[in-house]
Amino acid sequence: MDLARINAYFFPFMIFFISLSTLIVIYVGGLKVEAGTISPGNIAEFIIYVNMLILAADLYRVDCFIGAASGCCLSGTIKLLIQSNIGNSAG
Protein backbone atom coordinates (compact mmCIF):
# COMPACT_ATOMS: atom_id res chain seq x y z
CA MET A 1 0.00 0.00 0.00
CA ASP A 2 2.88 2.37 0.71
CA LEU A 3 4.31 1.94 -2.80
CA ALA A 4 0.95 2.88 -4.32
CA ARG A 5 0.74 5.97 -2.09
CA ILE A 6 4.28 7.08 -2.99
CA ASN A 7 3.59 6.59 -6.72
CA ALA A 8 0.28 8.45 -6.38
CA TYR A 9 2.12 11.53 -5.09
CA PHE A 10 5.43 11.25 -6.92
CA PHE A 11 4.33 10.74 -10.51
CA PRO A 12 2.01 13.78 -10.78
CA PHE A 13 4.70 16.02 -9.26
CA MET A 14 7.26 14.68 -11.69
CA ILE A 15 4.96 15.24 -14.68
CA PHE A 16 4.26 18.78 -13.44
CA PHE A 17 7.97 19.64 -13.22
CA ILE A 18 8.77 18.07 -16.60
CA SER A 19 5.90 20.05 -18.16
CA LEU A 20 7.14 23.20 -16.44
CA SER A 21 10.59 22.59 -17.83
CA THR A 22 9.08 22.26 -21.33
CA LEU A 23 7.41 25.65 -20.93
CA ILE A 24 10.68 27.19 -19.76
CA VAL A 25 12.50 25.68 -22.75
CA ILE A 26 9.91 27.13 -25.14
CA TYR A 27 10.09 30.59 -23.53
CA VAL A 28 13.87 30.83 -23.21
CA GLY A 29 14.35 29.15 -26.58
CA GLY A 30 12.01 31.66 -28.20
CA LEU A 31 14.08 34.49 -26.80
CA LYS A 32 17.27 32.86 -28.09
CA VAL A 33 15.75 32.33 -31.56
CA GLU A 34 14.75 36.00 -31.65
CA ALA A 35 18.30 36.94 -30.72
CA GLY A 36 19.62 34.64 -33.45
CA THR A 37 21.82 32.49 -31.18
CA ILE A 38 20.00 29.18 -31.80
CA SER A 39 17.65 27.74 -34.40
CA PRO A 40 14.07 26.54 -33.88
CA GLY A 41 15.36 23.02 -34.51
CA ASN A 42 17.45 23.23 -31.34
CA ILE A 43 14.32 23.98 -29.33
CA ALA A 44 12.44 21.06 -30.88
CA GLU A 45 15.38 18.76 -30.16
CA PHE A 46 15.52 19.74 -26.51
CA ILE A 47 11.74 19.36 -26.09
CA ILE A 48 12.03 15.83 -27.48
CA TYR A 49 14.73 15.08 -24.88
CA VAL A 50 12.50 16.39 -22.08
CA ASN A 51 9.58 14.28 -23.32
CA MET A 52 11.82 11.20 -23.27
CA LEU A 53 11.96 11.69 -19.50
CA ILE A 54 8.19 11.37 -19.34
CA LEU A 55 8.27 8.14 -21.35
CA ALA A 56 11.01 6.64 -19.17
CA ALA A 57 9.16 7.58 -15.99
CA ASP A 58 5.91 6.11 -17.29
CA LEU A 59 7.56 2.82 -18.26
CA TYR A 60 9.18 2.59 -14.82
CA ARG A 61 5.85 3.26 -13.10
CA VAL A 62 4.03 0.57 -15.09
CA ASP A 63 6.84 -1.92 -14.40
CA CYS A 64 6.69 -1.22 -10.67
CA PHE A 65 2.92 -1.72 -10.51
CA ILE A 66 3.13 -4.98 -12.45
CA GLY A 67 6.11 -6.17 -10.44
CA ALA A 68 4.70 -5.12 -7.06
CA ALA A 69 2.44 -8.17 -6.99
CA SER A 70 5.39 -10.51 -7.36
CA GLY A 71 7.68 -8.50 -5.09
CA CYS A 72 10.03 -7.22 -7.79
CA CYS A 73 10.45 -4.01 -9.68
CA LEU A 74 12.66 -2.79 -12.51
CA SER A 75 15.89 -4.06 -10.94
CA GLY A 76 14.39 -7.51 -10.46
CA THR A 77 13.17 -7.56 -14.05
CA ILE A 78 16.60 -6.58 -15.37
CA LYS A 79 18.24 -9.25 -13.22
CA LEU A 80 15.82 -11.86 -14.58
CA LEU A 81 16.52 -10.83 -18.18
CA ILE A 82 20.28 -11.00 -17.64
CA GLN A 83 20.02 -14.46 -16.07
CA SER A 84 17.86 -15.76 -18.90
CA ASN A 85 20.27 -14.39 -21.53
CA ILE A 86 23.24 -16.00 -19.78
CA GLY A 87 21.36 -19.32 -19.72
CA ASN A 88 20.49 -19.06 -23.42
CA SER A 89 24.04 -18.25 -24.52
CA ALA A 90 25.61 -21.10 -22.52
CA GLY A 91 23.70 -23.82 -24.35
PDB file of N, CA and C in Angstrom:
ATOM      1  N   MET A   1       0.822  -1.197   0.000  1.00  0.00           N
ATOM      2  CA  MET A   1       0.000   0.000   0.000  1.00  0.00           C
ATOM      3  C   MET A   1       0.864   1.259   0.000  1.00  0.00           C
ATOM      4  N   ASP A   2       2.012   1.203   0.672  1.00  0.00           N
ATOM      5  CA  ASP A   2       2.885   2.373   0.713  1.00  0.00           C
ATOM      6  C   ASP A   2       3.450   2.710  -0.655  1.00  0.00           C
ATOM      7  N   LEU A   3       3.792   1.703  -1.462  1.00  0.00           N
ATOM      8  CA  LEU A   3       4.308   1.935  -2.803  1.00  0.00           C
ATOM      9  C   LEU A   3       3.261   2.650  -3.654  1.00  0.00           C
ATOM     10  N   ALA A   4       2.023   2.240  -3.553  1.00  0.00           N
ATOM     11  CA  ALA A   4       0.955   2.883  -4.319  1.00  0.00           C
ATOM     12  C   ALA A   4       0.780   4.333  -3.884  1.00  0.00           C
ATOM     13  N   ARG A   5       0.884   4.603  -2.594  1.00  0.00           N
ATOM     14  CA  ARG A   5       0.736   5.974  -2.095  1.00  0.00           C
ATOM     15  C   ARG A   5       1.899   6.845  -2.569  1.00  0.00           C
ATOM     16  N   ILE A   6       3.107   6.317  -2.533  1.00  0.00           N
ATOM     17  CA  ILE A   6       4.276   7.075  -2.993  1.00  0.00           C
ATOM     18  C   ILE A   6       4.147   7.373  -4.484  1.00  0.00           C
ATOM     19  N   ASN A   7       3.773   6.377  -5.279  1.00  0.00           N
ATOM     20  CA  ASN A   7       3.586   6.595  -6.716  1.00  0.00           C
ATOM     21  C   ASN A   7       2.458   7.572  -6.997  1.00  0.00           C
ATOM     22  N   ALA A   8       1.415   7.541  -6.173  1.00  0.00           N
ATOM     23  CA  ALA A   8       0.284   8.450  -6.377  1.00  0.00           C
ATOM     24  C   ALA A   8       0.705   9.903  -6.193  1.00  0.00           C
ATOM     25  N   TYR A   9       1.641  10.161  -5.296  1.00  0.00           N
ATOM     26  CA  TYR A   9       2.124  11.532  -5.093  1.00  0.00           C
ATOM     27  C   TYR A   9       3.282  11.879  -6.016  1.00  0.00           C
ATOM     28  N   PHE A  10       4.194  10.957  -6.203  1.00  0.00           N
ATOM     29  CA  PHE A  10       5.434  11.253  -6.920  1.00  0.00           C
ATOM     30  C   PHE A  10       5.212  11.498  -8.401  1.00  0.00           C
ATOM     31  N   PHE A  11       4.458  10.651  -9.052  1.00  0.00           N
ATOM     32  CA  PHE A  11       4.326  10.740 -10.508  1.00  0.00           C
ATOM     33  C   PHE A  11       3.670  12.042 -10.968  1.00  0.00           C
ATOM     34  N   PRO A  12       2.570  12.501 -10.344  1.00  0.00           N
ATOM     35  CA  PRO A  12       2.014  13.784 -10.783  1.00  0.00           C
ATOM     36  C   PRO A  12       2.969  14.962 -10.577  1.00  0.00           C
ATOM     37  N   PHE A  13       3.721  14.952  -9.476  1.00  0.00           N
ATOM     38  CA  PHE A  13       4.704  16.016  -9.263  1.00  0.00           C
ATOM     39  C   PHE A  13       5.777  15.983 -10.347  1.00  0.00           C
ATOM     40  N   MET A  14       6.220  14.808 -10.683  1.00  0.00           N
ATOM     41  CA  MET A  14       7.260  14.681 -11.694  1.00  0.00           C
ATOM     42  C   MET A  14       6.750  15.162 -13.057  1.00  0.00           C
ATOM     43  N   ILE A  15       5.542  14.792 -13.424  1.00  0.00           N
ATOM     44  CA  ILE A  15       4.959  15.244 -14.684  1.00  0.00           C
ATOM     45  C   ILE A  15       4.803  16.758 -14.680  1.00  0.00           C
ATOM     46  N   PHE A  16       4.401  17.325 -13.547  1.00  0.00           N
ATOM     47  CA  PHE A  16       4.264  18.781 -13.443  1.00  0.00           C
ATOM     48  C   PHE A  16       5.603  19.467 -13.697  1.00  0.00           C
ATOM     49  N   PHE A  17       6.668  18.990 -13.061  1.00  0.00           N
ATOM     50  CA  PHE A  17       7.967  19.635 -13.221  1.00  0.00           C
ATOM     51  C   PHE A  17       8.549  19.435 -14.625  1.00  0.00           C
ATOM     52  N   ILE A  18       8.304  18.288 -15.226  1.00  0.00           N
ATOM     53  CA  ILE A  18       8.769  18.075 -16.600  1.00  0.00           C
ATOM     54  C   ILE A  18       7.995  18.989 -17.551  1.00  0.00           C
ATOM     55  N   SER A  19       6.691  19.147 -17.330  1.00  0.00           N
ATOM     56  CA  SER A  19       5.903  20.053 -18.163  1.00  0.00           C
ATOM     57  C   SER A  19       6.339  21.499 -17.962  1.00  0.00           C
ATOM     58  N   LEU A  20       6.635  21.861 -16.727  1.00  0.00           N
ATOM     59  CA  LEU A  20       7.136  23.205 -16.442  1.00  0.00           C
ATOM     60  C   LEU A  20       8.467  23.442 -17.142  1.00  0.00           C
ATOM     61  N   SER A  21       9.314  22.435 -17.152  1.00  0.00           N
ATOM     62  CA  SER A  21      10.594  22.591 -17.835  1.00  0.00           C
ATOM     63  C   SER A  21      10.397  22.747 -19.345  1.00  0.00           C
ATOM     64  N   THR A  22       9.380  22.086 -19.904  1.00  0.00           N
ATOM     65  CA  THR A  22       9.080  22.258 -21.328  1.00  0.00           C
ATOM     66  C   THR A  22       8.652  23.695 -21.614  1.00  0.00           C
ATOM     67  N   LEU A  23       7.819  24.251 -20.750  1.00  0.00           N
ATOM     68  CA  LEU A  23       7.411  25.647 -20.928  1.00  0.00           C
ATOM     69  C   LEU A  23       8.592  26.602 -20.833  1.00  0.00           C
ATOM     70  N   ILE A  24       9.491  26.341 -19.902  1.00  0.00           N
ATOM     71  CA  ILE A  24      10.680  27.186 -19.758  1.00  0.00           C
ATOM     72  C   ILE A  24      11.553  27.082 -21.005  1.00  0.00           C
ATOM     73  N   VAL A  25      11.705  25.872 -21.529  1.00  0.00           N
ATOM     74  CA  VAL A  25      12.500  25.679 -22.748  1.00  0.00           C
ATOM     75  C   VAL A  25      11.886  26.454 -23.911  1.00  0.00           C
ATOM     76  N   ILE A  26      10.568  26.406 -24.046  1.00  0.00           N
ATOM     77  CA  ILE A  26       9.914  27.132 -25.137  1.00  0.00           C
ATOM     78  C   ILE A  26      10.107  28.635 -24.973  1.00  0.00           C
ATOM     79  N   TYR A  27       9.957  29.150 -23.762  1.00  0.00           N
ATOM     80  CA  TYR A  27      10.092  30.594 -23.532  1.00  0.00           C
ATOM     81  C   TYR A  27      11.527  31.059 -23.758  1.00  0.00           C
ATOM     82  N   VAL A  28      12.467  30.423 -23.081  1.00  0.00           N
ATOM     83  CA  VAL A  28      13.871  30.833 -23.207  1.00  0.00           C
ATOM     84  C   VAL A  28      14.367  30.572 -24.631  1.00  0.00           C
ATOM     85  N   GLY A  29      13.952  29.454 -25.209  1.00  0.00           N
ATOM     86  CA  GLY A  29      14.347  29.154 -26.580  1.00  0.00           C
ATOM     87  C   GLY A  29      13.799  30.170 -27.568  1.00  0.00           C
ATOM     88  N   GLY A  30      12.572  30.625 -27.344  1.00  0.00           N
ATOM     89  CA  GLY A  30      12.006  31.659 -28.203  1.00  0.00           C
ATOM     90  C   GLY A  30      12.796  32.950 -28.143  1.00  0.00           C
ATOM     91  N   LEU A  31      13.239  33.298 -26.938  1.00  0.00           N
ATOM     92  CA  LEU A  31      14.080  34.492 -26.798  1.00  0.00           C
ATOM     93  C   LEU A  31      15.412  34.326 -27.520  1.00  0.00           C
ATOM     94  N   LYS A  32      15.980  33.124 -27.423  1.00  0.00           N
ATOM     95  CA  LYS A  32      17.269  32.863 -28.088  1.00  0.00           C
ATOM     96  C   LYS A  32      17.118  32.849 -29.610  1.00  0.00           C
ATOM     97  N   VAL A  33      15.980  32.328 -30.112  1.00  0.00           N
ATOM     98  CA  VAL A  33      15.750  32.331 -31.556  1.00  0.00           C
ATOM     99  C   VAL A  33      15.605  33.774 -32.050  1.00  0.00           C
ATOM    100  N   GLU A  34      14.889  34.588 -31.282  1.00  0.00           N
ATOM    101  CA  GLU A  34      14.753  36.004 -31.650  1.00  0.00           C
ATOM    102  C   GLU A  34      16.105  36.707 -31.694  1.00  0.00           C
ATOM    103  N   ALA A  35      16.976  36.333 -30.749  1.00  0.00           N
ATOM    104  CA  ALA A  35      18.305  36.945 -30.718  1.00  0.00           C
ATOM    105  C   ALA A  35      19.216  36.375 -31.795  1.00  0.00           C
ATOM    106  N   GLY A  36      18.840  35.241 -32.374  1.00  0.00           N
ATOM    107  CA  GLY A  36      19.621  34.640 -33.448  1.00  0.00           C
ATOM    108  C   GLY A  36      20.751  33.745 -32.972  1.00  0.00           C
ATOM    109  N   THR A  37      20.737  33.342 -31.698  1.00  0.00           N
ATOM    110  CA  THR A  37      21.825  32.495 -31.183  1.00  0.00           C
ATOM    111  C   THR A  37      21.578  31.005 -31.403  1.00  0.00           C
ATOM    112  N   ILE A  38      20.312  30.586 -31.520  1.00  0.00           N
ATOM    113  CA  ILE A  38      20.004  29.181 -31.802  1.00  0.00           C
ATOM    114  C   ILE A  38      18.917  29.120 -32.866  1.00  0.00           C
ATOM    115  N   SER A  39      18.690  27.919 -33.385  1.00  0.00           N
ATOM    116  CA  SER A  39      17.648  27.736 -34.402  1.00  0.00           C
ATOM    117  C   SER A  39      16.407  27.107 -33.759  1.00  0.00           C
ATOM    118  N   PRO A  40      15.266  27.205 -34.404  1.00  0.00           N
ATOM    119  CA  PRO A  40      14.071  26.540 -33.876  1.00  0.00           C
ATOM    120  C   PRO A  40      14.240  25.031 -33.761  1.00  0.00           C
ATOM    121  N   GLY A  41      15.098  24.455 -34.596  1.00  0.00           N
ATOM    122  CA  GLY A  41      15.357  23.017 -34.507  1.00  0.00           C
ATOM    123  C   GLY A  41      15.999  22.619 -33.192  1.00  0.00           C
ATOM    124  N   ASN A  42      16.842  23.503 -32.640  1.00  0.00           N
ATOM    125  CA  ASN A  42      17.451  23.232 -31.339  1.00  0.00           C
ATOM    126  C   ASN A  42      16.404  23.154 -30.239  1.00  0.00           C
ATOM    127  N   ILE A  43      15.392  24.007 -30.324  1.00  0.00           N
ATOM    128  CA  ILE A  43      14.315  23.981 -29.331  1.00  0.00           C
ATOM    129  C   ILE A  43      13.535  22.677 -29.447  1.00  0.00           C
ATOM    130  N   ALA A  44      13.188  22.304 -30.669  1.00  0.00           N
ATOM    131  CA  ALA A  44      12.440  21.059 -30.882  1.00  0.00           C
ATOM    132  C   ALA A  44      13.226  19.858 -30.371  1.00  0.00           C
ATOM    133  N   GLU A  45      14.524  19.859 -30.624  1.00  0.00           N
ATOM    134  CA  GLU A  45      15.376  18.762 -30.164  1.00  0.00           C
ATOM    135  C   GLU A  45      15.373  18.651 -28.644  1.00  0.00           C
ATOM    136  N   PHE A  46      15.480  19.768 -27.973  1.00  0.00           N
ATOM    137  CA  PHE A  46      15.518  19.743 -26.511  1.00  0.00           C
ATOM    138  C   PHE A  46      14.170  19.345 -25.927  1.00  0.00           C
ATOM    139  N   ILE A  47      13.074  19.756 -26.565  1.00  0.00           N
ATOM    140  CA  ILE A  47      11.743  19.358 -26.092  1.00  0.00           C
ATOM    141  C   ILE A  47      11.567  17.851 -26.237  1.00  0.00           C
ATOM    142  N   ILE A  48      12.091  17.278 -27.309  1.00  0.00           N
ATOM    143  CA  ILE A  48      12.034  15.828 -27.483  1.00  0.00           C
ATOM    144  C   ILE A  48      12.794  15.132 -26.357  1.00  0.00           C
ATOM    145  N   TYR A  49      13.961  15.666 -25.976  1.00  0.00           N
ATOM    146  CA  TYR A  49      14.725  15.081 -24.876  1.00  0.00           C
ATOM    147  C   TYR A  49      13.948  15.136 -23.567  1.00  0.00           C
ATOM    148  N   VAL A  50      13.288  16.256 -23.312  1.00  0.00           N
ATOM    149  CA  VAL A  50      12.501  16.386 -22.078  1.00  0.00           C
ATOM    150  C   VAL A  50      11.342  15.394 -22.091  1.00  0.00           C
ATOM    151  N   ASN A  51      10.699  15.222 -23.240  1.00  0.00           N
ATOM    152  CA  ASN A  51       9.580  14.278 -23.319  1.00  0.00           C
ATOM    153  C   ASN A  51      10.032  12.831 -23.182  1.00  0.00           C
ATOM    154  N   MET A  52      11.286  12.544 -23.505  1.00  0.00           N
ATOM    155  CA  MET A  52      11.817  11.198 -23.268  1.00  0.00           C
ATOM    156  C   MET A  52      11.845  10.883 -21.781  1.00  0.00           C
ATOM    157  N   LEU A  53      12.017  11.898 -20.947  1.00  0.00           N
ATOM    158  CA  LEU A  53      11.963  11.687 -19.498  1.00  0.00           C
ATOM    159  C   LEU A  53      10.586  11.215 -19.066  1.00  0.00           C
ATOM    160  N   ILE A  54       9.558  11.782 -19.674  1.00  0.00           N
ATOM    161  CA  ILE A  54       8.193  11.374 -19.340  1.00  0.00           C
ATOM    162  C   ILE A  54       7.974   9.914 -19.720  1.00  0.00           C
ATOM    163  N   LEU A  55       8.431   9.527 -20.900  1.00  0.00           N
ATOM    164  CA  LEU A  55       8.270   8.144 -21.354  1.00  0.00           C
ATOM    165  C   LEU A  55       9.006   7.178 -20.426  1.00  0.00           C
ATOM    166  N   ALA A  56      10.235   7.516 -20.056  1.00  0.00           N
ATOM    167  CA  ALA A  56      11.006   6.641 -19.170  1.00  0.00           C
ATOM    168  C   ALA A  56      10.337   6.522 -17.803  1.00  0.00           C
ATOM    169  N   ALA A  57       9.823   7.617 -17.293  1.00  0.00           N
ATOM    170  CA  ALA A  57       9.160   7.578 -15.988  1.00  0.00           C
ATOM    171  C   ALA A  57       7.888   6.753 -16.061  1.00  0.00           C
ATOM    172  N   ASP A  58       7.148   6.856 -17.140  1.00  0.00           N
ATOM    173  CA  ASP A  58       5.911   6.111 -17.285  1.00  0.00           C
ATOM    174  C   ASP A  58       6.184   4.617 -17.398  1.00  0.00           C
ATOM    175  N   LEU A  59       7.204   4.236 -18.155  1.00  0.00           N
ATOM    176  CA  LEU A  59       7.555   2.819 -18.262  1.00  0.00           C
ATOM    177  C   LEU A  59       7.993   2.257 -16.922  1.00  0.00           C
ATOM    178  N   TYR A  60       8.743   3.039 -16.147  1.00  0.00           N
ATOM    179  CA  TYR A  60       9.176   2.590 -14.825  1.00  0.00           C
ATOM    180  C   TYR A  60       7.975   2.411 -13.904  1.00  0.00           C
ATOM    181  N   ARG A  61       7.025   3.331 -13.964  1.00  0.00           N
ATOM    182  CA  ARG A  61       5.848   3.260 -13.096  1.00  0.00           C
ATOM    183  C   ARG A  61       5.024   2.029 -13.425  1.00  0.00           C
ATOM    184  N   VAL A  62       4.809   1.745 -14.697  1.00  0.00           N
ATOM    185  CA  VAL A  62       4.032   0.572 -15.095  1.00  0.00           C
ATOM    186  C   VAL A  62       4.743  -0.697 -14.642  1.00  0.00           C
ATOM    187  N   ASP A  63       6.079  -0.745 -14.809  1.00  0.00           N
ATOM    188  CA  ASP A  63       6.841  -1.917 -14.403  1.00  0.00           C
ATOM    189  C   ASP A  63       6.741  -2.135 -12.900  1.00  0.00           C
ATOM    190  N   CYS A  64       6.776  -1.075 -12.125  1.00  0.00           N
ATOM    191  CA  CYS A  64       6.689  -1.217 -10.666  1.00  0.00           C
ATOM    192  C   CYS A  64       5.321  -1.718 -10.241  1.00  0.00           C
ATOM    193  N   PHE A  65       4.254  -1.244 -10.884  1.00  0.00           N
ATOM    194  CA  PHE A  65       2.925  -1.720 -10.509  1.00  0.00           C
ATOM    195  C   PHE A  65       2.723  -3.178 -10.904  1.00  0.00           C
ATOM    196  N   ILE A  66       3.243  -3.580 -12.041  1.00  0.00           N
ATOM    197  CA  ILE A  66       3.132  -4.980 -12.451  1.00  0.00           C
ATOM    198  C   ILE A  66       3.990  -5.851 -11.549  1.00  0.00           C
ATOM    199  N   GLY A  67       5.197  -5.384 -11.256  1.00  0.00           N
ATOM    200  CA  GLY A  67       6.112  -6.168 -10.444  1.00  0.00           C
ATOM    201  C   GLY A  67       5.810  -6.150  -8.969  1.00  0.00           C
ATOM    202  N   ALA A  68       4.996  -5.210  -8.496  1.00  0.00           N
ATOM    203  CA  ALA A  68       4.704  -5.118  -7.063  1.00  0.00           C
ATOM    204  C   ALA A  68       3.976  -6.360  -6.560  1.00  0.00           C
ATOM    205  N   ALA A  69       3.168  -6.968  -7.406  1.00  0.00           N
ATOM    206  CA  ALA A  69       2.436  -8.170  -6.987  1.00  0.00           C
ATOM    207  C   ALA A  69       3.374  -9.337  -6.753  1.00  0.00           C
ATOM    208  N   SER A  70       4.459  -9.402  -7.528  1.00  0.00           N
ATOM    209  CA  SER A  70       5.390 -10.512  -7.363  1.00  0.00           C
ATOM    210  C   SER A  70       6.583 -10.139  -6.485  1.00  0.00           C
ATOM    211  N   GLY A  71       6.608  -8.902  -5.991  1.00  0.00           N
ATOM    212  CA  GLY A  71       7.682  -8.500  -5.090  1.00  0.00           C
ATOM    213  C   GLY A  71       8.928  -8.006  -5.797  1.00  0.00           C
ATOM    214  N   CYS A  72       8.860  -7.735  -7.086  1.00  0.00           N
ATOM    215  CA  CYS A  72      10.031  -7.223  -7.789  1.00  0.00           C
ATOM    216  C   CYS A  72       9.658  -5.942  -8.521  1.00  0.00           C
ATOM    217  N   CYS A  73      10.673  -5.234  -8.920  1.00  0.00           N
ATOM    218  CA  CYS A  73      10.449  -4.006  -9.679  1.00  0.00           C
ATOM    219  C   CYS A  73      11.425  -4.023 -10.849  1.00  0.00           C
ATOM    220  N   LEU A  74      11.823  -2.869 -11.321  1.00  0.00           N
ATOM    221  CA  LEU A  74      12.662  -2.794 -12.511  1.00  0.00           C
ATOM    222  C   LEU A  74      13.984  -3.528 -12.312  1.00  0.00           C
ATOM    223  N   SER A  75      14.602  -3.390 -11.155  1.00  0.00           N
ATOM    224  CA  SER A  75      15.888  -4.057 -10.936  1.00  0.00           C
ATOM    225  C   SER A  75      15.726  -5.571 -10.960  1.00  0.00           C
ATOM    226  N   GLY A  76      14.635  -6.082 -10.414  1.00  0.00           N
ATOM    227  CA  GLY A  76      14.393  -7.513 -10.460  1.00  0.00           C
ATOM    228  C   GLY A  76      14.126  -8.002 -11.870  1.00  0.00           C
ATOM    229  N   THR A  77      13.445  -7.201 -12.657  1.00  0.00           N
ATOM    230  CA  THR A  77      13.173  -7.563 -14.048  1.00  0.00           C
ATOM    231  C   THR A  77      14.460  -7.605 -14.857  1.00  0.00           C
ATOM    232  N   ILE A  78      15.319  -6.614 -14.662  1.00  0.00           N
ATOM    233  CA  ILE A  78      16.605  -6.582 -15.369  1.00  0.00           C
ATOM    234  C   ILE A  78      17.452  -7.778 -14.972  1.00  0.00           C
ATOM    235  N   LYS A  79      17.467  -8.108 -13.689  1.00  0.00           N
ATOM    236  CA  LYS A  79      18.242  -9.255 -13.221  1.00  0.00           C
ATOM    237  C   LYS A  79      17.730 -10.543 -13.853  1.00  0.00           C
ATOM    238  N   LEU A  80      16.405 -10.674 -13.962  1.00  0.00           N
ATOM    239  CA  LEU A  80      15.819 -11.859 -14.576  1.00  0.00           C
ATOM    240  C   LEU A  80      16.180 -11.954 -16.056  1.00  0.00           C
ATOM    241  N   LEU A  81      16.162 -10.835 -16.766  1.00  0.00           N
ATOM    242  CA  LEU A  81      16.524 -10.825 -18.178  1.00  0.00           C
ATOM    243  C   LEU A  81      17.995 -11.202 -18.388  1.00  0.00           C
ATOM    244  N   ILE A  82      18.859 -10.685 -17.523  1.00  0.00           N
ATOM    245  CA  ILE A  82      20.285 -11.002 -17.639  1.00  0.00           C
ATOM    246  C   ILE A  82      20.507 -12.492 -17.392  1.00  0.00           C
ATOM    247  N   GLN A  83      19.851 -13.035 -16.383  1.00  0.00           N
ATOM    248  CA  GLN A  83      20.021 -14.456 -16.074  1.00  0.00           C
ATOM    249  C   GLN A  83      19.508 -15.326 -17.224  1.00  0.00           C
ATOM    250  N   SER A  84      18.391 -14.937 -17.824  1.00  0.00           N
ATOM    251  CA  SER A  84      17.860 -15.758 -18.904  1.00  0.00           C
ATOM    252  C   SER A  84      18.742 -15.674 -20.141  1.00  0.00           C
ATOM    253  N   ASN A  85      19.354 -14.519 -20.393  1.00  0.00           N
ATOM    254  CA  ASN A  85      20.269 -14.394 -21.527  1.00  0.00           C
ATOM    255  C   ASN A  85      21.549 -15.174 -21.309  1.00  0.00           C
ATOM    256  N   ILE A  86      22.032 -15.219 -20.081  1.00  0.00           N
ATOM    257  CA  ILE A  86      23.235 -16.004 -19.780  1.00  0.00           C
ATOM    258  C   ILE A  86      22.931 -17.484 -19.976  1.00  0.00           C
ATOM    259  N   GLY A  87      21.743 -17.926 -19.546  1.00  0.00           N
ATOM    260  CA  GLY A  87      21.364 -19.318 -19.720  1.00  0.00           C
ATOM    261  C   GLY A  87      21.206 -19.701 -21.181  1.00  0.00           C
ATOM    262  N   ASN A  88      20.688 -18.772 -21.998  1.00  0.00           N
ATOM    263  CA  ASN A  88      20.488 -19.056 -23.418  1.00  0.00           C
ATOM    264  C   ASN A  88      21.817 -19.111 -24.178  1.00  0.00           C
ATOM    265  N   SER A  89      22.775 -18.276 -23.782  1.00  0.00           N
ATOM    266  CA  SER A  89      24.045 -18.246 -24.524  1.00  0.00           C
ATOM    267  C   SER A  89      24.968 -19.397 -24.120  1.00  0.00           C
ATOM    268  N   ALA A  90      24.746 -19.999 -22.962  1.00  0.00           N
ATOM    269  CA  ALA A  90      25.610 -21.095 -22.518  1.00  0.00           C
ATOM    270  C   ALA A  90      25.318 -22.390 -23.275  1.00  0.00           C
ATOM    271  N   GLY A  91      24.082 -22.550 -23.728  1.00  0.00           N
ATOM    272  CA  GLY A  91      23.696 -23.816 -24.351  1.00  0.00           C
ATOM    273  C   GLY A  91      23.774 -23.715 -25.799  1.00  0.00           C
TER     274      GLY A  91
END
